[in-house]
Amino acid sequence: MQTLWGRGPSSIRELLEAFPDKERLAYTTVQTVVNRLEAKKAIRRIEKISNAHIFEAVISRAAAQNRMIDELVAWFGGKPLPIVTTLIESGKLTPEEVREARKALQRLSLKDKRK
């Protein structure tokens, strides 16, 4: 998805070549992921050039992130706090990201008070 959002419409071969050499997957692996994303309506085929199908993202990066976060929170019984706590305690959030999260909470708090 990152490649489709960044580069725009691409073939499976182009998606494969976007990976660094050391991380490059098998063509069939990328094809399987593309087929699954197409079945989930996250991407679609827009044209065929010779034998290559060209795909584009149907959903935006923000919509995909929201969908994934909603699914992750659902796995934790609808409670986001364990996820946030784990991110903070594991060091996966930098101090700067924690500060940005605090600012976002303050903005939401102010918005709620205005209602």
PDB file of N, CA and C in Angstrom:
ATOM      1  N   MET A   1       0.832  -1.187   0.000  1.00  0.00           N
ATOM      2  CA  MET A   1       0.000   0.000   0.000  1.00  0.00           C
ATOM      3  C   MET A   1       0.876   1.251   0.000  1.00  0.00           C
ATOM      4  N   GLN A   2       1.973   1.201   0.773  1.00  0.00           N
ATOM      5  CA  GLN A   2       2.857   2.374   0.828  1.00  0.00           C
ATOM      6  C   GLN A   2       3.314   2.767  -0.581  1.00  0.00           C
ATOM      7  N   THR A   3       3.654   1.772  -1.377  1.00  0.00           N
ATOM      8  CA  THR A   3       4.137   2.041  -2.730  1.00  0.00           C
ATOM      9  C   THR A   3       3.029   2.629  -3.586  1.00  0.00           C
ATOM     10  N   LEU A   4       1.841   2.080  -3.489  1.00  0.00           N
ATOM     11  CA  LEU A   4       0.726   2.615  -4.282  1.00  0.00           C
ATOM     12  C   LEU A   4       0.387   4.044  -3.869  1.00  0.00           C
ATOM     13  N   TRP A   5       0.450   4.328  -2.576  1.00  0.00           N
ATOM     14  CA  TRP A   5       0.191   5.697  -2.124  1.00  0.00           C
ATOM     15  C   TRP A   5       1.308   6.633  -2.573  1.00  0.00           C
ATOM     16  N   GLY A   6       2.525   6.160  -2.523  1.00  0.00           N
ATOM     17  CA  GLY A   6       3.662   7.016  -2.863  1.00  0.00           C
ATOM     18  C   GLY A   6       3.897   7.171  -4.353  1.00  0.00           C
ATOM     19  N   ARG A   7       3.877   6.071  -5.081  1.00  0.00           N
ATOM     20  CA  ARG A   7       4.179   6.083  -6.516  1.00  0.00           C
ATOM     21  C   ARG A   7       2.959   6.230  -7.400  1.00  0.00           C
ATOM     22  N   GLY A   8       1.818   5.838  -6.867  1.00  0.00           N
ATOM     23  CA  GLY A   8       0.623   5.832  -7.689  1.00  0.00           C
ATOM     24  C   GLY A   8       0.452   4.469  -8.348  1.00  0.00           C
ATOM     25  N   PRO A   9      -0.406   4.400  -9.370  1.00  0.00           N
ATOM     26  CA  PRO A   9      -0.704   3.120 -10.015  1.00  0.00           C
ATOM     27  C   PRO A   9       0.557   2.353 -10.407  1.00  0.00           C
ATOM     28  N   SER A  10       0.569   1.040 -10.103  1.00  0.00           N
ATOM     29  CA  SER A  10       1.746   0.217 -10.329  1.00  0.00           C
ATOM     30  C   SER A  10       1.346  -1.212 -10.663  1.00  0.00           C
ATOM     31  N   SER A  11       2.235  -1.896 -11.355  1.00  0.00           N
ATOM     32  CA  SER A  11       2.061  -3.328 -11.623  1.00  0.00           C
ATOM     33  C   SER A  11       2.647  -4.114 -10.449  1.00  0.00           C
ATOM     34  N   ILE A  12       2.393  -5.396 -10.427  1.00  0.00           N
ATOM     35  CA  ILE A  12       2.970  -6.240  -9.373  1.00  0.00           C
ATOM     36  C   ILE A  12       4.487  -6.183  -9.447  1.00  0.00           C
ATOM     37  N   ARG A  13       5.043  -6.221 -10.644  1.00  0.00           N
ATOM     38  CA  ARG A  13       6.499  -6.155 -10.801  1.00  0.00           C
ATOM     39  C   ARG A  13       7.041  -4.844 -10.223  1.00  0.00           C
ATOM     40  N   GLU A  14       6.357  -3.727 -10.486  1.00  0.00           N
ATOM     41  CA  GLU A  14       6.803  -2.436  -9.947  1.00  0.00           C
ATOM     42  C   GLU A  14       6.708  -2.407  -8.425  1.00  0.00           C
ATOM     43  N   LEU A  15       5.660  -3.023  -7.882  1.00  0.00           N
ATOM     44  CA  LEU A  15       5.527  -3.102  -6.426  1.00  0.00           C
ATOM     45  C   LEU A  15       6.673  -3.924  -5.844  1.00  0.00           C
ATOM     46  N   LEU A  16       6.982  -5.026  -6.487  1.00  0.00           N
ATOM     47  CA  LEU A  16       8.076  -5.899  -6.052  1.00  0.00           C
ATOM     48  C   LEU A  16       9.403  -5.155  -6.074  1.00  0.00           C
ATOM     49  N   GLU A  17       9.662  -4.405  -7.129  1.00  0.00           N
ATOM     50  CA  GLU A  17      10.932  -3.698  -7.272  1.00  0.00           C
ATOM     51  C   GLU A  17      11.070  -2.512  -6.322  1.00  0.00           C
ATOM     52  N   ALA A  18       9.974  -2.106  -5.687  1.00  0.00           N
ATOM     53  CA  ALA A  18      10.034  -1.010  -4.717  1.00  0.00           C
ATOM     54  C   ALA A  18      10.699  -1.453  -3.411  1.00  0.00           C
ATOM     55  N   PHE A  19      10.750  -2.772  -3.169  1.00  0.00           N
ATOM     56  CA  PHE A  19      11.414  -3.290  -1.968  1.00  0.00           C
ATOM     57  C   PHE A  19      12.924  -3.237  -2.151  1.00  0.00           C
ATOM     58  N   PRO A  20      13.668  -2.911  -1.092  1.00  0.00           N
ATOM     59  CA  PRO A  20      15.132  -2.997  -1.178  1.00  0.00           C
ATOM     60  C   PRO A  20      15.529  -4.445  -1.467  1.00  0.00           C
ATOM     61  N   ASP A  21      16.668  -4.626  -2.132  1.00  0.00           N
ATOM     62  CA  ASP A  21      17.118  -5.966  -2.521  1.00  0.00           C
ATOM     63  C   ASP A  21      17.095  -6.961  -1.370  1.00  0.00           C
ATOM     64  N   LYS A  22      17.562  -6.533  -0.196  1.00  0.00           N
ATOM     65  CA  LYS A  22      17.650  -7.446   0.943  1.00  0.00           C
ATOM     66  C   LYS A  22      16.278  -7.849   1.484  1.00  0.00           C
ATOM     67  N   GLU A  23      15.261  -7.040   1.216  1.00  0.00           N
ATOM     68  CA  GLU A  23      13.915  -7.311   1.731  1.00  0.00           C
ATOM     69  C   GLU A  23      12.965  -7.788   0.639  1.00  0.00           C
ATOM     70  N   ARG A  24      13.462  -7.991  -0.543  1.00  0.00           N
ATOM     71  CA  ARG A  24      12.610  -8.323  -1.682  1.00  0.00           C
ATOM     72  C   ARG A  24      11.922  -9.665  -1.469  1.00  0.00           C
ATOM     73  N   LEU A  25      10.645  -9.670  -1.726  1.00  0.00           N
ATOM     74  CA  LEU A  25       9.818 -10.861  -1.578  1.00  0.00           C
ATOM     75  C   LEU A  25       9.725 -11.593  -2.909  1.00  0.00           C
ATOM     76  N   ALA A  26       9.156 -12.785  -2.880  1.00  0.00           N
ATOM     77  CA  ALA A  26       8.909 -13.521  -4.115  1.00  0.00           C
ATOM     78  C   ALA A  26       7.756 -12.844  -4.860  1.00  0.00           C
ATOM     79  N   TYR A  27       7.793 -12.924  -6.167  1.00  0.00           N
ATOM     80  CA  TYR A  27       6.743 -12.333  -7.004  1.00  0.00           C
ATOM     81  C   TYR A  27       5.377 -12.869  -6.573  1.00  0.00           C
ATOM     82  N   THR A  28       5.283 -14.172  -6.341  1.00  0.00           N
ATOM     83  CA  THR A  28       3.997 -14.775  -5.987  1.00  0.00           C
ATOM     84  C   THR A  28       3.493 -14.286  -4.631  1.00  0.00           C
ATOM     85  N   THR A  29       4.395 -13.942  -3.728  1.00  0.00           N
ATOM     86  CA  THR A  29       3.999 -13.402  -2.422  1.00  0.00           C
ATOM     87  C   THR A  29       3.344 -12.034  -2.599  1.00  0.00           C
ATOM     88  N   VAL A  30       3.961 -11.188  -3.409  1.00  0.00           N
ATOM     89  CA  VAL A  30       3.396  -9.866  -3.678  1.00  0.00           C
ATOM     90  C   VAL A  30       2.056 -10.018  -4.399  1.00  0.00           C
ATOM     91  N   GLN A  31       2.006 -10.947  -5.337  1.00  0.00           N
ATOM     92  CA  GLN A  31       0.761 -11.198  -6.082  1.00  0.00           C
ATOM     93  C   GLN A  31      -0.362 -11.629  -5.140  1.00  0.00           C
ATOM     94  N   THR A  32      -0.052 -12.490  -4.170  1.00  0.00           N
ATOM     95  CA  THR A  32      -1.051 -12.941  -3.198  1.00  0.00           C
ATOM     96  C   THR A  32      -1.560 -11.777  -2.364  1.00  0.00           C
ATOM     97  N   VAL A  33      -0.652 -10.931  -1.900  1.00  0.00           N
ATOM     98  CA  VAL A  33      -1.061  -9.768  -1.100  1.00  0.00           C
ATOM     99  C   VAL A  33      -1.927  -8.830  -1.938  1.00  0.00           C
ATOM    100  N   VAL A  34      -1.530  -8.598  -3.180  1.00  0.00           N
ATOM    101  CA  VAL A  34      -2.312  -7.735  -4.076  1.00  0.00           C
ATOM    102  C   VAL A  34      -3.710  -8.324  -4.276  1.00  0.00           C
ATOM    103  N   ASN A  35      -3.799  -9.619  -4.494  1.00  0.00           N
ATOM    104  CA  ASN A  35      -5.104 -10.264  -4.673  1.00  0.00           C
ATOM    105  C   ASN A  35      -5.977 -10.118  -3.441  1.00  0.00           C
ATOM    106  N   ARG A  36      -5.375 -10.247  -2.268  1.00  0.00           N
ATOM    107  CA  ARG A  36      -6.140 -10.097  -1.022  1.00  0.00           C
ATOM    108  C   ARG A  36      -6.602  -8.656  -0.816  1.00  0.00           C
ATOM    109  N   LEU A  37      -5.722  -7.707  -1.122  1.00  0.00           N
ATOM    110  CA  LEU A  37      -6.104  -6.295  -1.000  1.00  0.00           C
ATOM    111  C   LEU A  37      -7.211  -5.944  -1.994  1.00  0.00           C
ATOM    112  N   GLU A  38      -7.141  -6.544  -3.163  1.00  0.00           N
ATOM    113  CA  GLU A  38      -8.188  -6.311  -4.167  1.00  0.00           C
ATOM    114  C   GLU A  38      -9.520  -6.910  -3.694  1.00  0.00           C
ATOM    115  N   ALA A  39      -9.483  -8.096  -3.098  1.00  0.00           N
ATOM    116  CA  ALA A  39     -10.699  -8.723  -2.580  1.00  0.00           C
ATOM    117  C   ALA A  39     -11.316  -7.898  -1.451  1.00  0.00           C
ATOM    118  N   LYS A  40     -10.457  -7.213  -0.677  1.00  0.00           N
ATOM    119  CA  LYS A  40     -10.936  -6.360   0.419  1.00  0.00           C
ATOM    120  C   LYS A  40     -11.327  -4.964  -0.063  1.00  0.00           C
ATOM    121  N   LYS A  41     -11.197  -4.741  -1.362  1.00  0.00           N
ATOM    122  CA  LYS A  41     -11.544  -3.462  -1.993  1.00  0.00           C
ATOM    123  C   LYS A  41     -10.667  -2.306  -1.511  1.00  0.00           C
ATOM    124  N   ALA A  42      -9.422  -2.624  -1.147  1.00  0.00           N
ATOM    125  CA  ALA A  42      -8.464  -1.590  -0.771  1.00  0.00           C
ATOM    126  C   ALA A  42      -7.724  -1.080  -1.999  1.00  0.00           C
ATOM    127  N   ILE A  43      -7.613  -1.939  -3.022  1.00  0.00           N
ATOM    128  CA  ILE A  43      -7.014  -1.555  -4.302  1.00  0.00           C
ATOM    129  C   ILE A  43      -7.887  -2.085  -5.433  1.00  0.00           C
ATOM    130  N   ARG A  44      -7.645  -1.595  -6.645  1.00  0.00           N
ATOM    131  CA  ARG A  44      -8.398  -2.092  -7.800  1.00  0.00           C
ATOM    132  C   ARG A  44      -7.513  -2.085  -9.033  1.00  0.00           C
ATOM    133  N   ARG A  45      -7.870  -2.942  -9.994  1.00  0.00           N
ATOM    134  CA  ARG A  45      -7.187  -2.970 -11.281  1.00  0.00           C
ATOM    135  C   ARG A  45      -7.748  -1.842 -12.122  1.00  0.00           C
ATOM    136  N   ILE A  46      -6.862  -1.071 -12.722  1.00  0.00           N
ATOM    137  CA  ILE A  46      -7.354   0.038 -13.534  1.00  0.00           C
ATOM    138  C   ILE A  46      -7.075  -0.150 -15.018  1.00  0.00           C
ATOM    139  N   GLU A  47      -6.090  -0.985 -15.344  1.00  0.00           N
ATOM    140  CA  GLU A  47      -5.816  -1.270 -16.747  1.00  0.00           C
ATOM    141  C   GLU A  47      -4.920  -2.490 -16.872  1.00  0.00           C
ATOM    142  N   LYS A  48      -4.818  -2.951 -18.105  1.00  0.00           N
ATOM    143  CA  LYS A  48      -3.941  -4.085 -18.389  1.00  0.00           C
ATOM    144  C   LYS A  48      -3.030  -3.673 -19.539  1.00  0.00           C
ATOM    145  N   ILE A  49      -1.726  -3.791 -19.306  1.00  0.00           N
ATOM    146  CA  ILE A  49      -0.743  -3.490 -20.341  1.00  0.00           C
ATOM    147  C   ILE A  49      -0.026  -4.796 -20.635  1.00  0.00           C
ATOM    148  N   SER A  50      -0.241  -5.330 -21.817  1.00  0.00           N
ATOM    149  CA  SER A  50       0.278  -6.636 -22.197  1.00  0.00           C
ATOM    150  C   SER A  50      -0.262  -7.656 -21.197  1.00  0.00           C
ATOM    151  N   ASN A  51       0.606  -8.336 -20.453  1.00  0.00           N
ATOM    152  CA  ASN A  51       0.151  -9.303 -19.451  1.00  0.00           C
ATOM    153  C   ASN A  51       0.090  -8.718 -18.047  1.00  0.00           C
ATOM    154  N   ALA A  52       0.496  -7.478 -17.890  1.00  0.00           N
ATOM    155  CA  ALA A  52       0.582  -6.862 -16.561  1.00  0.00           C
ATOM    156  C   ALA A  52      -0.672  -6.063 -16.228  1.00  0.00           C
ATOM    157  N   HIS A  53      -1.217  -6.336 -15.075  1.00  0.00           N
ATOM    158  CA  HIS A  53      -2.341  -5.550 -14.561  1.00  0.00           C
ATOM    159  C   HIS A  53      -1.767  -4.395 -13.751  1.00  0.00           C
ATOM    160  N   ILE A  54      -2.397  -3.241 -13.875  1.00  0.00           N
ATOM    161  CA  ILE A  54      -1.987  -2.047 -13.131  1.00  0.00           C
ATOM    162  C   ILE A  54      -3.020  -1.818 -12.035  1.00  0.00           C
ATOM    163  N   PHE A  55      -2.520  -1.614 -10.812  1.00  0.00           N
ATOM    164  CA  PHE A  55      -3.386  -1.448  -9.647  1.00  0.00           C
ATOM    165  C   PHE A  55      -3.214  -0.054  -9.062  1.00  0.00           C
ATOM    166  N   GLU A  56      -4.287   0.429  -8.428  1.00  0.00           N
ATOM    167  CA  GLU A  56      -4.215   1.694  -7.704  1.00  0.00           C
ATOM    168  C   GLU A  56      -4.921   1.539  -6.369  1.00  0.00           C
ATOM    169  N   ALA A  57      -4.529   2.376  -5.419  1.00  0.00           N
ATOM    170  CA  ALA A  57      -5.162   2.372  -4.103  1.00  0.00           C
ATOM    171  C   ALA A  57      -6.568   2.950  -4.220  1.00  0.00           C
ATOM    172  N   VAL A  58      -7.507   2.324  -3.551  1.00  0.00           N
ATOM    173  CA  VAL A  58      -8.884   2.812  -3.523  1.00  0.00           C
ATOM    174  C   VAL A  58      -9.114   3.612  -2.246  1.00  0.00           C
ATOM    175  N   ILE A  59      -8.471   3.180  -1.169  1.00  0.00           N
ATOM    176  CA  ILE A  59      -8.638   3.876   0.107  1.00  0.00           C
ATOM    177  C   ILE A  59      -7.405   4.730   0.394  1.00  0.00           C
ATOM    178  N   SER A  60      -7.617   5.793   1.092  1.00  0.00           N
ATOM    179  CA  SER A  60      -6.509   6.681   1.445  1.00  0.00           C
ATOM    180  C   SER A  60      -5.692   6.078   2.581  1.00  0.00           C
ATOM    181  N   ARG A  61      -4.512   6.615   2.760  1.00  0.00           N
ATOM    182  CA  ARG A  61      -3.644   6.187   3.862  1.00  0.00           C
ATOM    183  C   ARG A  61      -4.368   6.399   5.202  1.00  0.00           C
ATOM    184  N   ALA A  62      -5.015   7.547   5.374  1.00  0.00           N
ATOM    185  CA  ALA A  62      -5.715   7.852   6.634  1.00  0.00           C
ATOM    186  C   ALA A  62      -6.851   6.870   6.879  1.00  0.00           C
ATOM    187  N   ALA A  63      -7.613   6.536   5.838  1.00  0.00           N
ATOM    188  CA  ALA A  63      -8.716   5.577   5.990  1.00  0.00           C
ATOM    189  C   ALA A  63      -8.182   4.201   6.363  1.00  0.00           C
ATOM    190  N   ALA A  64      -7.080   3.792   5.754  1.00  0.00           N
ATOM    191  CA  ALA A  64      -6.475   2.489   6.074  1.00  0.00           C
ATOM    192  C   ALA A  64      -5.968   2.477   7.517  1.00  0.00           C
ATOM    193  N   GLN A  65      -5.328   3.562   7.944  1.00  0.00           N
ATOM    194  CA  GLN A  65      -4.839   3.637   9.318  1.00  0.00           C
ATOM    195  C   GLN A  65      -5.996   3.561  10.308  1.00  0.00           C
ATOM    196  N   ASN A  66      -7.066   4.287  10.024  1.00  0.00           N
ATOM    197  CA  ASN A  66      -8.227   4.263  10.924  1.00  0.00           C
ATOM    198  C   ASN A  66      -8.822   2.868  11.006  1.00  0.00           C
ATOM    199  N   ARG A  67      -8.924   2.192   9.855  1.00  0.00           N
ATOM    200  CA  ARG A  67      -9.481   0.840   9.835  1.00  0.00           C
ATOM    201  C   ARG A  67      -8.616  -0.110  10.656  1.00  0.00           C
ATOM    202  N   MET A  68      -7.301  -0.021  10.476  1.00  0.00           N
ATOM    203  CA  MET A  68      -6.396  -0.912  11.209  1.00  0.00           C
ATOM    204  C   MET A  68      -6.418  -0.631  12.704  1.00  0.00           C
ATOM    205  N   ILE A  69      -6.457   0.637  13.076  1.00  0.00           N
ATOM    206  CA  ILE A  69      -6.504   0.997  14.501  1.00  0.00           C
ATOM    207  C   ILE A  69      -7.801   0.494  15.121  1.00  0.00           C
ATOM    208  N   ASP A  70      -8.908   0.662  14.401  1.00  0.00           N
ATOM    209  CA  ASP A  70     -10.194   0.170  14.908  1.00  0.00           C
ATOM    210  C   ASP A  70     -10.147  -1.342  15.138  1.00  0.00           C
ATOM    211  N   GLU A  71      -9.547  -2.081  14.199  1.00  0.00           N
ATOM    212  CA  GLU A  71      -9.437  -3.536  14.342  1.00  0.00           C
ATOM    213  C   GLU A  71      -8.531  -3.899  15.523  1.00  0.00           C
ATOM    214  N   LEU A  72      -7.424  -3.186  15.668  1.00  0.00           N
ATOM    215  CA  LEU A  72      -6.497  -3.453  16.770  1.00  0.00           C
ATOM    216  C   LEU A  72      -7.164  -3.193  18.117  1.00  0.00           C
ATOM    217  N   VAL A  73      -7.861  -2.088  18.223  1.00  0.00           N
ATOM    218  CA  VAL A  73      -8.551  -1.758  19.479  1.00  0.00           C
ATOM    219  C   VAL A  73      -9.626  -2.811  19.766  1.00  0.00           C
ATOM    220  N   ALA A  74     -10.308  -3.281  18.743  1.00  0.00           N
ATOM    221  CA  ALA A  74     -11.331  -4.322  18.927  1.00  0.00           C
ATOM    222  C   ALA A  74     -10.705  -5.597  19.500  1.00  0.00           C
ATOM    223  N   TRP A  75      -9.479  -5.937  19.084  1.00  0.00           N
ATOM    224  CA  TRP A  75      -8.791  -7.120  19.616  1.00  0.00           C
ATOM    225  C   TRP A  75      -8.545  -6.992  21.115  1.00  0.00           C
ATOM    226  N   PHE A  76      -8.438  -5.757  21.593  1.00  0.00           N
ATOM    227  CA  PHE A  76      -8.190  -5.507  23.014  1.00  0.00           C
ATOM    228  C   PHE A  76      -9.492  -5.152  23.735  1.00  0.00           C
ATOM    229  N   GLY A  77     -10.583  -5.699  23.245  1.00  0.00           N
ATOM    230  CA  GLY A  77     -11.878  -5.502  23.900  1.00  0.00           C
ATOM    231  C   GLY A  77     -12.392  -4.089  23.814  1.00  0.00           C
ATOM    232  N   GLY A  78     -11.974  -3.356  22.798  1.00  0.00           N
ATOM    233  CA  GLY A  78     -12.440  -1.987  22.619  1.00  0.00           C
ATOM    234  C   GLY A  78     -11.739  -0.982  23.512  1.00  0.00           C
ATOM    235  N   LYS A  79     -10.670  -1.398  24.162  1.00  0.00           N
ATOM    236  CA  LYS A  79      -9.947  -0.521  25.083  1.00  0.00           C
ATOM    237  C   LYS A  79      -8.578  -0.152  24.496  1.00  0.00           C
ATOM    238  N   PRO A  80      -8.387   1.114  24.131  1.00  0.00           N
ATOM    239  CA  PRO A  80      -7.119   1.520  23.525  1.00  0.00           C
ATOM    240  C   PRO A  80      -5.972   1.711  24.521  1.00  0.00           C
ATOM    241  N   LEU A  81      -6.274   1.892  25.809  1.00  0.00           N
ATOM    242  CA  LEU A  81      -5.222   2.186  26.787  1.00  0.00           C
ATOM    243  C   LEU A  81      -4.111   1.127  26.833  1.00  0.00           C
ATOM    244  N   PRO A  82      -4.423  -0.183  26.816  1.00  0.00           N
ATOM    245  CA  PRO A  82      -3.318  -1.155  26.832  1.00  0.00           C
ATOM    246  C   PRO A  82      -2.382  -0.999  25.635  1.00  0.00           C
ATOM    247  N   ILE A  83      -2.922  -0.619  24.504  1.00  0.00           N
ATOM    248  CA  ILE A  83      -2.099  -0.433  23.306  1.00  0.00           C
ATOM    249  C   ILE A  83      -1.181   0.771  23.489  1.00  0.00           C
ATOM    250  N   VAL A  84      -1.739   1.883  23.941  1.00  0.00           N
ATOM    251  CA  VAL A  84      -0.959   3.102  24.145  1.00  0.00           C
ATOM    252  C   VAL A  84       0.116   2.871  25.206  1.00  0.00           C
ATOM    253  N   THR A  85      -0.269   2.214  26.294  1.00  0.00           N
ATOM    254  CA  THR A  85       0.686   1.933  27.372  1.00  0.00           C
ATOM    255  C   THR A  85       1.841   1.081  26.859  1.00  0.00           C
ATOM    256  N   THR A  86       1.523   0.052  26.093  1.00  0.00           N
ATOM    257  CA  THR A  86       2.567  -0.815  25.536  1.00  0.00           C
ATOM    258  C   THR A  86       3.489  -0.032  24.607  1.00  0.00           C
ATOM    259  N   LEU A  87       2.938   0.829  23.778  1.00  0.00           N
ATOM    260  CA  LEU A  87       3.764   1.633  22.874  1.00  0.00           C
ATOM    261  C   LEU A  87       4.724   2.531  23.661  1.00  0.00           C
ATOM    262  N   ILE A  88       4.223   3.125  24.704  1.00  0.00           N
ATOM    263  CA  ILE A  88       5.061   4.018  25.511  1.00  0.00           C
ATOM    264  C   ILE A  88       6.130   3.225  26.270  1.00  0.00           C
ATOM    265  N   GLU A  89       5.706   2.170  26.976  1.00  0.00           N
ATOM    266  CA  GLU A  89       6.644   1.405  27.807  1.00  0.00           C
ATOM    267  C   GLU A  89       7.689   0.651  26.989  1.00  0.00           C
ATOM    268  N   SER A  90       7.350   0.265  25.767  1.00  0.00           N
ATOM    269  CA  SER A  90       8.297  -0.481  24.935  1.00  0.00           C
ATOM    270  C   SER A  90       9.309   0.430  24.252  1.00  0.00           C
ATOM    271  N   GLY A  91       9.086   1.750  24.346  1.00  0.00           N
ATOM    272  CA  GLY A  91       9.996   2.689  23.709  1.00  0.00           C
ATOM    273  C   GLY A  91       9.705   2.877  22.229  1.00  0.00           C
ATOM    274  N   LYS A  92       8.581   2.353  21.774  1.00  0.00           N
ATOM    275  CA  LYS A  92       8.227   2.495  20.361  1.00  0.00           C
ATOM    276  C   LYS A  92       7.762   3.915  20.031  1.00  0.00           C
ATOM    277  N   LEU A  93       7.367   4.654  21.065  1.00  0.00           N
ATOM    278  CA  LEU A  93       7.031   6.071  20.890  1.00  0.00           C
ATOM    279  C   LEU A  93       8.195   6.891  21.422  1.00  0.00           C
ATOM    280  N   THR A  94       8.641   7.819  20.615  1.00  0.00           N
ATOM    281  CA  THR A  94       9.722   8.695  21.048  1.00  0.00           C
ATOM    282  C   THR A  94       9.155   9.751  22.002  1.00  0.00           C
ATOM    283  N   PRO A  95      10.005  10.382  22.791  1.00  0.00           N
ATOM    284  CA  PRO A  95       9.516  11.468  23.657  1.00  0.00           C
ATOM    285  C   PRO A  95       8.787  12.556  22.852  1.00  0.00           C
ATOM    286  N   GLU A  96       9.268  12.846  21.661  1.00  0.00           N
ATOM    287  CA  GLU A  96       8.604  13.841  20.805  1.00  0.00           C
ATOM    288  C   GLU A  96       7.193  13.376  20.428  1.00  0.00           C
ATOM    289  N   GLU A  97       7.045  12.100  20.110  1.00  0.00           N
ATOM    290  CA  GLU A  97       5.718  11.573  19.767  1.00  0.00           C
ATOM    291  C   GLU A  97       4.779  11.612  20.969  1.00  0.00           C
ATOM    292  N   VAL A  98       5.312  11.368  22.153  1.00  0.00           N
ATOM    293  CA  VAL A  98       4.507  11.459  23.371  1.00  0.00           C
ATOM    294  C   VAL A  98       4.051  12.905  23.578  1.00  0.00           C
ATOM    295  N   ARG A  99       4.965  13.871  23.354  1.00  0.00           N
ATOM    296  CA  ARG A  99       4.593  15.295  23.471  1.00  0.00           C
ATOM    297  C   ARG A  99       3.493  15.648  22.466  1.00  0.00           C
ATOM    298  N   GLU A 100       3.620  15.155  21.241  1.00  0.00           N
ATOM    299  CA  GLU A 100       2.595  15.418  20.213  1.00  0.00           C
ATOM    300  C   GLU A 100       1.258  14.802  20.613  1.00  0.00           C
ATOM    301  N   ALA A 101       1.299  13.616  21.219  1.00  0.00           N
ATOM    302  CA  ALA A 101       0.070  12.963  21.679  1.00  0.00           C
ATOM    303  C   ALA A 101      -0.584  13.799  22.783  1.00  0.00           C
ATOM    304  N   ARG A 102       0.241  14.338  23.685  1.00  0.00           N
ATOM    305  CA  ARG A 102      -0.295  15.199  24.751  1.00  0.00           C
ATOM    306  C   ARG A 102      -0.967  16.435  24.160  1.00  0.00           C
ATOM    307  N   LYS A 103      -0.318  17.032  23.170  1.00  0.00           N
ATOM    308  CA  LYS A 103      -0.901  18.214  22.520  1.00  0.00           C
ATOM    309  C   LYS A 103      -2.235  17.867  21.865  1.00  0.00           C
ATOM    310  N   ALA A 104      -2.302  16.716  21.226  1.00  0.00           N
ATOM    311  CA  ALA A 104      -3.549  16.284  20.583  1.00  0.00           C
ATOM    312  C   ALA A 104      -4.648  16.095  21.622  1.00  0.00           C
ATOM    313  N   LEU A 105      -4.298  15.512  22.777  1.00  0.00           N
ATOM    314  CA  LEU A 105      -5.272  15.339  23.853  1.00  0.00           C
ATOM    315  C   LEU A 105      -5.751  16.685  24.385  1.00  0.00           C
ATOM    316  N   GLN A 106      -4.820  17.637  24.522  1.00  0.00           N
ATOM    317  CA  GLN A 106      -5.203  18.972  24.992  1.00  0.00           C
ATOM    318  C   GLN A 106      -6.148  19.645  24.001  1.00  0.00           C
ATOM    319  N   ARG A 107      -5.855  19.514  22.699  1.00  0.00           N
ATOM    320  CA  ARG A 107      -6.742  20.100  21.681  1.00  0.00           C
ATOM    321  C   ARG A 107      -8.138  19.488  21.760  1.00  0.00           C
ATOM    322  N   LEU A 108      -8.201  18.159  21.916  1.00  0.00           N
ATOM    323  CA  LEU A 108      -9.501  17.499  22.037  1.00  0.00           C
ATOM    324  C   LEU A 108     -10.234  17.936  23.285  1.00  0.00           C
ATOM    325  N   SER A 109      -9.500  18.098  24.377  1.00  0.00           N
ATOM    326  CA  SER A 109     -10.094  18.533  25.629  1.00  0.00           C
ATOM    327  C   SER A 109     -10.699  19.930  25.485  1.00  0.00           C
ATOM    328  N   LEU A 110      -9.963  20.825  24.829  1.00  0.00           N
ATOM    329  CA  LEU A 110     -10.464  22.182  24.604  1.00  0.00           C
ATOM    330  C   LEU A 110     -11.686  22.171  23.691  1.00  0.00           C
ATOM    331  N   LYS A 111     -11.655  21.342  22.697  1.00  0.00           N
ATOM    332  CA  LYS A 111     -12.780  21.223  21.757  1.00  0.00           C
ATOM    333  C   LYS A 111     -14.025  20.725  22.483  1.00  0.00           C
ATOM    334  N   ASP A 112     -13.851  19.744  23.397  1.00  0.00           N
ATOM    335  CA  ASP A 112     -14.974  19.214  24.172  1.00  0.00           C
ATOM    336  C   ASP A 112     -15.561  20.277  25.096  1.00  0.00           C
ATOM    337  N   LYS A 113     -14.698  21.126  25.682  1.00  0.00           N
ATOM    338  CA  LYS A 113     -15.174  22.171  26.588  1.00  0.00           C
ATOM    339  C   LYS A 113     -15.990  23.228  25.850  1.00  0.00           C
ATOM    340  N   ARG A 114     -15.687  23.444  24.584  1.00  0.00           N
ATOM    341  CA  ARG A 114     -16.393  24.456  23.788  1.00  0.00           C
ATOM    342  C   ARG A 114     -17.789  23.996  23.379  1.00  0.00           C
ATOM    343  N   LYS A 115     -18.034  22.706  23.417  1.00  0.00           N
ATOM    344  CA  LYS A 115     -19.340  22.187  22.965  1.00  0.00           C
ATOM    345  C   LYS A 115     -20.430  22.459  23.935  1.00  0.00           C
TER     346      LYS A 115
END
